[in-house]
């Protein structure tokens, strides 16, 4: 779930901010590999038979499509933050906290709903495996991105 979101965030950063100023080569490479091969990585790691993949794939595609508007909201927050160099007033920081909480909630609700749909087409162990794959991919991207994004500072 968040892997795709992080990928969108990184893609947006590349388009908004000079890459050399904000995003390391390591992050760029990680992003490129993850996004270009995301579906392949998931398919291989899921270790589903061709028949299982055929019933899983439409739900997987719907899941990614449903998450897209949430990703867009996250991208907007990150875009604004990067433009400001991490400098925010207390009011701006408070607003970001609310927005990020709302985004996290929405991601959780979508994931909860799709968990049910995934369970209709694949066994619970495979659904759990999918969530683990998503988390691992997300952690790889987030750890790379975290090195490039400055911690918040109070704007004066």
N, C-alpha and C. Protein backbone atom coordinates (compact mmCIF):
# COMPACT_ATOMS: atom_id res chain seq x y z
N UNK A 1 0.83 -1.18 0.00
CA UNK A 1 0.00 0.00 0.00
C UNK A 1 0.87 1.24 0.00
N UNK A 2 1.72 1.37 0.98
CA UNK A 2 2.51 2.58 1.06
C UNK A 2 3.65 2.59 0.07
N UNK A 3 4.05 1.45 -0.40
CA UNK A 3 5.12 1.39 -1.38
C UNK A 3 4.77 2.24 -2.58
N UNK A 4 3.59 2.04 -3.12
CA UNK A 4 3.17 2.81 -4.27
C UNK A 4 3.09 4.29 -3.91
N UNK A 5 2.61 4.59 -2.73
CA UNK A 5 2.52 5.98 -2.28
C UNK A 5 3.88 6.61 -2.20
N UNK A 6 4.82 5.92 -1.61
CA UNK A 6 6.17 6.45 -1.50
C UNK A 6 6.76 6.65 -2.88
N UNK A 7 6.50 5.71 -3.77
CA UNK A 7 6.98 5.85 -5.14
C UNK A 7 6.43 7.10 -5.79
N UNK A 8 5.16 7.36 -5.60
CA UNK A 8 4.56 8.58 -6.13
C UNK A 8 5.20 9.82 -5.51
N UNK A 9 5.45 9.78 -4.22
CA UNK A 9 6.07 10.90 -3.53
C UNK A 9 7.45 11.17 -4.12
N UNK A 10 8.24 10.14 -4.29
CA UNK A 10 9.58 10.32 -4.83
C UNK A 10 9.50 10.84 -6.26
N UNK A 11 8.59 10.30 -7.04
CA UNK A 11 8.44 10.76 -8.42
C UNK A 11 8.11 12.24 -8.45
N UNK A 12 7.24 12.66 -7.55
CA UNK A 12 6.88 14.07 -7.49
C UNK A 12 8.06 14.92 -7.09
N UNK A 13 8.84 14.45 -6.14
CA UNK A 13 10.02 15.20 -5.71
C UNK A 13 10.97 15.42 -6.88
N UNK A 14 11.12 14.42 -7.72
CA UNK A 14 12.00 14.55 -8.86
C UNK A 14 11.51 15.65 -9.79
N UNK A 15 10.21 15.78 -9.92
CA UNK A 15 9.64 16.77 -10.82
C UNK A 15 9.59 18.17 -10.24
N UNK A 16 9.62 18.32 -8.93
CA UNK A 16 9.44 19.61 -8.29
C UNK A 16 10.75 20.24 -7.85
N UNK A 17 11.67 19.43 -7.38
CA UNK A 17 12.89 19.91 -6.77
C UNK A 17 14.07 19.35 -7.55
N UNK A 18 15.11 20.15 -7.76
CA UNK A 18 16.28 19.59 -8.42
C UNK A 18 16.74 18.34 -7.68
N UNK A 19 16.91 17.26 -8.43
CA UNK A 19 17.23 15.98 -7.82
C UNK A 19 18.50 16.07 -6.99
N UNK A 20 19.52 16.70 -7.50
CA UNK A 20 20.79 16.74 -6.79
C UNK A 20 20.67 17.48 -5.46
N UNK A 21 19.71 18.39 -5.34
CA UNK A 21 19.57 19.17 -4.12
C UNK A 21 18.80 18.43 -3.03
N UNK A 22 17.97 17.46 -3.39
CA UNK A 22 17.09 16.86 -2.39
C UNK A 22 17.16 15.35 -2.30
N UNK A 23 17.36 14.67 -3.41
CA UNK A 23 17.20 13.23 -3.43
C UNK A 23 18.51 12.58 -3.89
N UNK A 24 19.01 11.66 -3.08
CA UNK A 24 20.29 11.01 -3.38
C UNK A 24 20.17 10.03 -4.55
N UNK A 25 21.31 9.70 -5.13
CA UNK A 25 21.35 8.70 -6.19
C UNK A 25 20.81 7.36 -5.71
N UNK A 26 21.10 7.02 -4.46
CA UNK A 26 20.62 5.76 -3.89
C UNK A 26 19.09 5.73 -3.86
N UNK A 27 18.48 6.84 -3.45
CA UNK A 27 17.02 6.92 -3.41
C UNK A 27 16.45 6.84 -4.82
N UNK A 28 17.07 7.52 -5.75
CA UNK A 28 16.61 7.48 -7.14
C UNK A 28 16.66 6.06 -7.68
N UNK A 29 17.78 5.37 -7.45
CA UNK A 29 17.92 4.00 -7.92
C UNK A 29 16.90 3.08 -7.26
N UNK A 30 16.73 3.22 -5.96
CA UNK A 30 15.75 2.39 -5.24
C UNK A 30 14.36 2.63 -5.81
N UNK A 31 14.00 3.90 -6.00
CA UNK A 31 12.70 4.24 -6.56
C UNK A 31 12.52 3.63 -7.95
N UNK A 32 13.53 3.79 -8.80
CA UNK A 32 13.41 3.29 -10.17
C UNK A 32 13.20 1.79 -10.20
N UNK A 33 13.99 1.08 -9.43
CA UNK A 33 13.86 -0.38 -9.41
C UNK A 33 12.49 -0.78 -8.88
N UNK A 34 12.07 -0.14 -7.78
CA UNK A 34 10.79 -0.51 -7.16
C UNK A 34 9.60 -0.20 -8.05
N UNK A 35 9.59 0.98 -8.66
CA UNK A 35 8.42 1.36 -9.45
C UNK A 35 8.38 0.66 -10.79
N UNK A 36 9.54 0.51 -11.43
CA UNK A 36 9.55 -0.14 -12.74
C UNK A 36 9.21 -1.62 -12.63
N UNK A 37 9.51 -2.22 -11.50
CA UNK A 37 9.32 -3.66 -11.35
C UNK A 37 8.36 -4.02 -10.21
N UNK A 38 7.56 -3.05 -9.78
CA UNK A 38 6.68 -3.26 -8.64
C UNK A 38 5.76 -4.47 -8.82
N UNK A 39 5.01 -4.51 -9.91
CA UNK A 39 4.09 -5.63 -10.12
C UNK A 39 4.83 -6.95 -10.21
N UNK A 40 5.98 -6.95 -10.88
CA UNK A 40 6.79 -8.17 -10.98
C UNK A 40 7.29 -8.61 -9.61
N UNK A 41 7.76 -7.64 -8.81
CA UNK A 41 8.24 -7.97 -7.47
C UNK A 41 7.14 -8.59 -6.62
N UNK A 42 5.96 -7.97 -6.69
CA UNK A 42 4.83 -8.50 -5.92
C UNK A 42 4.45 -9.88 -6.42
N UNK A 43 4.35 -10.03 -7.73
CA UNK A 43 3.94 -11.33 -8.28
C UNK A 43 4.93 -12.42 -7.88
N UNK A 44 6.22 -12.14 -8.02
CA UNK A 44 7.21 -13.16 -7.68
C UNK A 44 7.20 -13.47 -6.19
N UNK A 45 7.13 -12.44 -5.36
CA UNK A 45 7.15 -12.65 -3.91
C UNK A 45 5.88 -13.32 -3.40
N UNK A 46 4.76 -13.10 -4.08
CA UNK A 46 3.51 -13.73 -3.66
C UNK A 46 3.54 -15.23 -3.89
N UNK A 47 4.31 -15.67 -4.88
CA UNK A 47 4.46 -17.10 -5.15
C UNK A 47 3.10 -17.77 -5.36
N UNK A 48 2.27 -17.12 -6.18
CA UNK A 48 0.95 -17.67 -6.51
C UNK A 48 1.03 -18.48 -7.79
N UNK A 49 0.19 -19.45 -7.91
CA UNK A 49 0.07 -20.17 -9.18
C UNK A 49 -0.52 -19.21 -10.21
N UNK A 50 -0.43 -19.58 -11.48
CA UNK A 50 -1.02 -18.73 -12.52
C UNK A 50 -2.51 -18.53 -12.30
N UNK A 51 -3.19 -19.57 -11.86
CA UNK A 51 -4.63 -19.48 -11.61
C UNK A 51 -4.92 -18.54 -10.44
N UNK A 52 -4.12 -18.66 -9.38
CA UNK A 52 -4.30 -17.77 -8.23
C UNK A 52 -4.02 -16.32 -8.61
N UNK A 53 -2.99 -16.10 -9.42
CA UNK A 53 -2.66 -14.74 -9.83
C UNK A 53 -3.80 -14.14 -10.64
N UNK A 54 -4.42 -14.93 -11.48
CA UNK A 54 -5.52 -14.43 -12.32
C UNK A 54 -6.68 -13.90 -11.48
N UNK A 55 -6.96 -14.51 -10.33
CA UNK A 55 -8.04 -14.02 -9.49
C UNK A 55 -7.55 -12.92 -8.54
N UNK A 56 -6.27 -12.94 -8.21
CA UNK A 56 -5.69 -11.92 -7.32
C UNK A 56 -5.49 -10.60 -8.06
N UNK A 57 -5.03 -10.67 -9.29
CA UNK A 57 -4.63 -9.47 -10.03
C UNK A 57 -5.72 -8.40 -10.15
N UNK A 58 -6.97 -8.74 -10.47
CA UNK A 58 -7.99 -7.68 -10.57
C UNK A 58 -8.21 -6.95 -9.23
N UNK A 59 -8.15 -7.67 -8.14
CA UNK A 59 -8.31 -7.04 -6.83
C UNK A 59 -7.09 -6.16 -6.54
N UNK A 60 -5.91 -6.67 -6.86
CA UNK A 60 -4.67 -5.93 -6.70
C UNK A 60 -4.71 -4.62 -7.50
N UNK A 61 -5.17 -4.68 -8.74
CA UNK A 61 -5.27 -3.49 -9.59
C UNK A 61 -6.29 -2.50 -9.01
N UNK A 62 -7.42 -3.00 -8.55
CA UNK A 62 -8.44 -2.13 -7.94
C UNK A 62 -7.90 -1.47 -6.68
N UNK A 63 -7.16 -2.22 -5.90
CA UNK A 63 -6.53 -1.71 -4.68
C UNK A 63 -5.61 -0.55 -5.00
N UNK A 64 -4.74 -0.72 -5.99
CA UNK A 64 -3.81 0.35 -6.36
C UNK A 64 -4.58 1.59 -6.85
N UNK A 65 -5.62 1.36 -7.64
CA UNK A 65 -6.42 2.47 -8.17
C UNK A 65 -7.16 3.22 -7.06
N UNK A 66 -7.68 2.49 -6.09
CA UNK A 66 -8.41 3.10 -4.98
C UNK A 66 -7.48 3.92 -4.09
N UNK A 67 -6.25 3.46 -3.95
CA UNK A 67 -5.29 4.17 -3.11
C UNK A 67 -4.77 5.45 -3.77
N UNK A 68 -4.89 5.55 -5.08
CA UNK A 68 -4.28 6.67 -5.80
C UNK A 68 -4.67 8.06 -5.27
N UNK A 69 -5.95 8.35 -5.01
CA UNK A 69 -6.28 9.69 -4.48
C UNK A 69 -5.64 9.97 -3.12
N UNK A 70 -5.48 8.94 -2.32
CA UNK A 70 -4.81 9.11 -1.02
C UNK A 70 -3.34 9.44 -1.26
N UNK A 71 -2.74 8.76 -2.22
CA UNK A 71 -1.35 9.03 -2.57
C UNK A 71 -1.20 10.48 -3.02
N UNK A 72 -2.16 10.95 -3.82
CA UNK A 72 -2.10 12.32 -4.31
C UNK A 72 -2.09 13.32 -3.15
N UNK A 73 -2.90 13.05 -2.13
CA UNK A 73 -2.91 13.95 -0.96
C UNK A 73 -1.56 13.93 -0.25
N UNK A 74 -0.99 12.75 -0.09
CA UNK A 74 0.32 12.64 0.56
C UNK A 74 1.37 13.39 -0.27
N UNK A 75 1.31 13.25 -1.57
CA UNK A 75 2.25 13.93 -2.45
C UNK A 75 2.17 15.44 -2.26
N UNK A 76 0.97 15.97 -2.17
CA UNK A 76 0.81 17.41 -1.99
C UNK A 76 1.47 17.88 -0.69
N UNK A 77 1.30 17.12 0.37
CA UNK A 77 1.92 17.49 1.65
C UNK A 77 3.43 17.46 1.53
N UNK A 78 3.96 16.41 0.95
CA UNK A 78 5.41 16.30 0.81
C UNK A 78 5.95 17.38 -0.12
N UNK A 79 5.25 17.64 -1.21
CA UNK A 79 5.68 18.68 -2.15
C UNK A 79 5.81 20.02 -1.42
N UNK A 80 4.80 20.38 -0.67
CA UNK A 80 4.83 21.65 0.05
C UNK A 80 5.96 21.67 1.08
N UNK A 81 6.13 20.58 1.78
CA UNK A 81 7.18 20.48 2.79
C UNK A 81 8.56 20.65 2.17
N UNK A 82 8.80 19.97 1.05
CA UNK A 82 10.10 20.04 0.38
C UNK A 82 10.35 21.45 -0.15
N UNK A 83 9.33 22.08 -0.72
CA UNK A 83 9.48 23.45 -1.21
C UNK A 83 9.90 24.40 -0.10
N UNK A 84 9.42 24.13 1.11
CA UNK A 84 9.74 24.98 2.25
C UNK A 84 11.04 24.59 2.94
N UNK A 85 11.68 23.54 2.47
CA UNK A 85 12.91 23.08 3.08
C UNK A 85 12.70 22.57 4.50
N UNK A 86 11.49 22.12 4.79
CA UNK A 86 11.18 21.61 6.12
C UNK A 86 10.86 22.70 7.14
N UNK A 87 10.81 23.94 6.71
CA UNK A 87 10.53 25.04 7.62
C UNK A 87 9.03 25.35 7.61
N UNK A 88 8.42 25.24 8.80
CA UNK A 88 6.98 25.45 8.94
C UNK A 88 6.70 26.31 10.17
N UNK A 89 5.64 27.09 10.08
CA UNK A 89 5.16 27.76 11.29
C UNK A 89 4.47 26.72 12.15
N UNK A 90 4.20 27.06 13.38
CA UNK A 90 3.49 26.12 14.26
C UNK A 90 2.11 25.79 13.70
N UNK A 91 1.42 26.79 13.16
CA UNK A 91 0.09 26.55 12.57
C UNK A 91 0.19 25.62 11.36
N UNK A 92 1.20 25.82 10.51
CA UNK A 92 1.38 24.95 9.35
C UNK A 92 1.71 23.52 9.79
N UNK A 93 2.57 23.39 10.79
CA UNK A 93 2.92 22.07 11.29
C UNK A 93 1.69 21.37 11.88
N UNK A 94 0.85 22.11 12.61
CA UNK A 94 -0.36 21.53 13.17
C UNK A 94 -1.29 21.05 12.05
N UNK A 95 -1.39 21.82 10.98
CA UNK A 95 -2.22 21.43 9.84
C UNK A 95 -1.67 20.17 9.18
N UNK A 96 -0.36 20.08 9.04
CA UNK A 96 0.26 18.90 8.44
C UNK A 96 -0.02 17.67 9.31
N UNK A 97 0.05 17.82 10.61
CA UNK A 97 -0.24 16.70 11.51
C UNK A 97 -1.66 16.16 11.29
N UNK A 98 -2.61 17.05 11.14
CA UNK A 98 -4.00 16.64 10.90
C UNK A 98 -4.13 15.95 9.55
N UNK A 99 -3.54 16.55 8.53
CA UNK A 99 -3.62 15.98 7.18
C UNK A 99 -2.98 14.60 7.15
N UNK A 100 -1.81 14.46 7.75
CA UNK A 100 -1.13 13.17 7.74
C UNK A 100 -1.92 12.11 8.51
N UNK A 101 -2.53 12.51 9.61
CA UNK A 101 -3.38 11.57 10.34
C UNK A 101 -4.56 11.13 9.50
N UNK A 102 -5.16 12.07 8.79
CA UNK A 102 -6.28 11.73 7.90
C UNK A 102 -5.83 10.78 6.79
N UNK A 103 -4.67 11.03 6.23
CA UNK A 103 -4.15 10.17 5.17
C UNK A 103 -3.90 8.76 5.72
N UNK A 104 -3.26 8.68 6.88
CA UNK A 104 -2.99 7.37 7.50
C UNK A 104 -4.30 6.62 7.76
N UNK A 105 -5.31 7.35 8.25
CA UNK A 105 -6.62 6.73 8.51
C UNK A 105 -7.22 6.20 7.21
N UNK A 106 -7.20 7.03 6.18
CA UNK A 106 -7.78 6.62 4.90
C UNK A 106 -7.06 5.41 4.32
N UNK A 107 -5.73 5.41 4.42
CA UNK A 107 -4.97 4.24 3.95
C UNK A 107 -5.41 2.99 4.71
N UNK A 108 -5.54 3.13 6.03
CA UNK A 108 -5.93 1.98 6.85
C UNK A 108 -7.32 1.49 6.47
N UNK A 109 -8.26 2.41 6.26
CA UNK A 109 -9.62 2.01 5.89
C UNK A 109 -9.66 1.30 4.54
N UNK A 110 -8.91 1.82 3.58
CA UNK A 110 -8.86 1.17 2.26
C UNK A 110 -8.23 -0.21 2.39
N UNK A 111 -7.15 -0.28 3.14
CA UNK A 111 -6.49 -1.57 3.33
C UNK A 111 -7.43 -2.56 4.00
N UNK A 112 -8.16 -2.11 5.01
CA UNK A 112 -9.10 -2.99 5.70
C UNK A 112 -10.15 -3.52 4.73
N UNK A 113 -10.70 -2.64 3.90
CA UNK A 113 -11.71 -3.07 2.93
C UNK A 113 -11.13 -4.04 1.90
N UNK A 114 -9.93 -3.73 1.43
CA UNK A 114 -9.33 -4.62 0.43
C UNK A 114 -8.83 -5.92 1.04
N UNK A 115 -8.50 -5.90 2.29
CA UNK A 115 -8.13 -7.15 2.95
C UNK A 115 -9.27 -8.15 2.81
N UNK A 116 -10.48 -7.68 3.01
CA UNK A 116 -11.65 -8.55 2.87
C UNK A 116 -11.77 -9.07 1.43
N UNK A 117 -11.54 -8.17 0.48
CA UNK A 117 -11.63 -8.58 -0.93
C UNK A 117 -10.52 -9.56 -1.29
N UNK A 118 -9.32 -9.33 -0.78
CA UNK A 118 -8.23 -10.27 -1.03
C UNK A 118 -8.56 -11.64 -0.44
N UNK A 119 -9.15 -11.63 0.74
CA UNK A 119 -9.51 -12.90 1.39
C UNK A 119 -10.56 -13.69 0.61
N UNK A 120 -11.31 -13.02 -0.23
CA UNK A 120 -12.29 -13.71 -1.06
C UNK A 120 -11.63 -14.46 -2.22
N UNK A 121 -10.39 -14.07 -2.58
CA UNK A 121 -9.77 -14.68 -3.75
C UNK A 121 -8.51 -15.49 -3.44
N UNK A 122 -7.87 -15.24 -2.30
CA UNK A 122 -6.68 -16.00 -1.92
C UNK A 122 -6.74 -16.32 -0.43
N UNK A 123 -6.02 -17.36 0.00
CA UNK A 123 -6.06 -17.76 1.41
C UNK A 123 -5.45 -16.70 2.34
N UNK A 124 -5.82 -16.73 3.61
CA UNK A 124 -5.31 -15.75 4.58
C UNK A 124 -3.78 -15.69 4.65
N UNK A 125 -3.11 -16.82 4.51
CA UNK A 125 -1.64 -16.78 4.55
C UNK A 125 -1.08 -15.97 3.39
N UNK A 126 -1.74 -16.01 2.25
CA UNK A 126 -1.28 -15.22 1.08
C UNK A 126 -1.63 -13.74 1.24
N UNK A 127 -2.73 -13.45 1.89
CA UNK A 127 -3.08 -12.05 2.16
C UNK A 127 -2.04 -11.46 3.12
N UNK A 128 -1.73 -12.21 4.17
CA UNK A 128 -0.71 -11.77 5.11
C UNK A 128 0.62 -11.59 4.39
N UNK A 129 0.95 -12.50 3.52
CA UNK A 129 2.20 -12.40 2.75
C UNK A 129 2.20 -11.12 1.91
N UNK A 130 1.08 -10.81 1.28
CA UNK A 130 0.98 -9.58 0.49
C UNK A 130 1.25 -8.35 1.37
N UNK A 131 0.65 -8.31 2.54
CA UNK A 131 0.85 -7.18 3.45
C UNK A 131 2.31 -7.09 3.89
N UNK A 132 2.94 -8.23 4.11
CA UNK A 132 4.35 -8.24 4.48
C UNK A 132 5.22 -7.72 3.34
N UNK A 133 4.91 -8.12 2.13
CA UNK A 133 5.66 -7.64 0.95
C UNK A 133 5.52 -6.14 0.83
N UNK A 134 4.29 -5.65 0.94
CA UNK A 134 4.05 -4.20 0.87
C UNK A 134 4.86 -3.47 1.95
N UNK A 135 4.84 -3.99 3.16
CA UNK A 135 5.58 -3.35 4.26
C UNK A 135 7.08 -3.36 4.00
N UNK A 136 7.60 -4.45 3.51
CA UNK A 136 9.04 -4.52 3.25
C UNK A 136 9.46 -3.57 2.14
N UNK A 137 8.70 -3.54 1.06
CA UNK A 137 9.02 -2.61 -0.01
C UNK A 137 8.93 -1.17 0.49
N UNK A 138 7.91 -0.90 1.28
CA UNK A 138 7.75 0.43 1.85
C UNK A 138 8.93 0.81 2.74
N UNK A 139 9.35 -0.09 3.58
CA UNK A 139 10.48 0.18 4.47
C UNK A 139 11.75 0.47 3.70
N UNK A 140 11.97 -0.25 2.62
CA UNK A 140 13.16 0.00 1.81
C UNK A 140 13.14 1.41 1.23
N UNK A 141 12.01 1.80 0.69
CA UNK A 141 11.90 3.14 0.10
C UNK A 141 11.93 4.23 1.17
N UNK A 142 11.20 4.00 2.25
CA UNK A 142 11.14 5.01 3.31
C UNK A 142 12.51 5.25 3.94
N UNK A 143 13.30 4.19 4.14
CA UNK A 143 14.61 4.38 4.75
C UNK A 143 15.52 5.16 3.82
N UNK A 144 15.40 4.95 2.54
CA UNK A 144 16.20 5.71 1.59
C UNK A 144 15.73 7.17 1.53
N UNK A 145 14.43 7.36 1.48
CA UNK A 145 13.87 8.71 1.41
C UNK A 145 14.13 9.50 2.69
N UNK A 146 14.10 8.83 3.83
CA UNK A 146 14.28 9.51 5.12
C UNK A 146 15.64 10.20 5.21
N UNK A 147 16.63 9.66 4.54
CA UNK A 147 17.96 10.27 4.56
C UNK A 147 17.98 11.58 3.78
N UNK A 148 17.04 11.76 2.88
CA UNK A 148 17.05 12.92 1.99
C UNK A 148 16.12 14.06 2.40
N UNK A 149 15.16 13.80 3.25
CA UNK A 149 14.18 14.82 3.63
C UNK A 149 14.57 15.40 4.98
N UNK A 150 14.68 16.74 5.05
CA UNK A 150 15.10 17.33 6.33
C UNK A 150 14.03 17.23 7.41
N UNK A 151 14.47 17.19 8.66
CA UNK A 151 13.55 17.24 9.77
C UNK A 151 12.90 18.62 9.83
N UNK A 152 11.71 18.69 10.38
CA UNK A 152 10.97 19.93 10.43
C UNK A 152 11.69 20.96 11.32
N UNK A 153 11.62 22.20 10.86
CA UNK A 153 12.17 23.33 11.62
C UNK A 153 11.10 24.40 11.70
N UNK A 154 11.16 25.16 12.79
CA UNK A 154 10.20 26.24 12.94
C UNK A 154 10.61 27.42 12.06
N UNK A 155 9.66 27.86 11.23
CA UNK A 155 9.91 29.02 10.38
C UNK A 155 9.75 30.28 11.23
N UNK A 156 10.56 31.22 10.97
CA UNK A 156 10.51 32.48 11.75
C UNK A 156 9.86 33.58 10.98
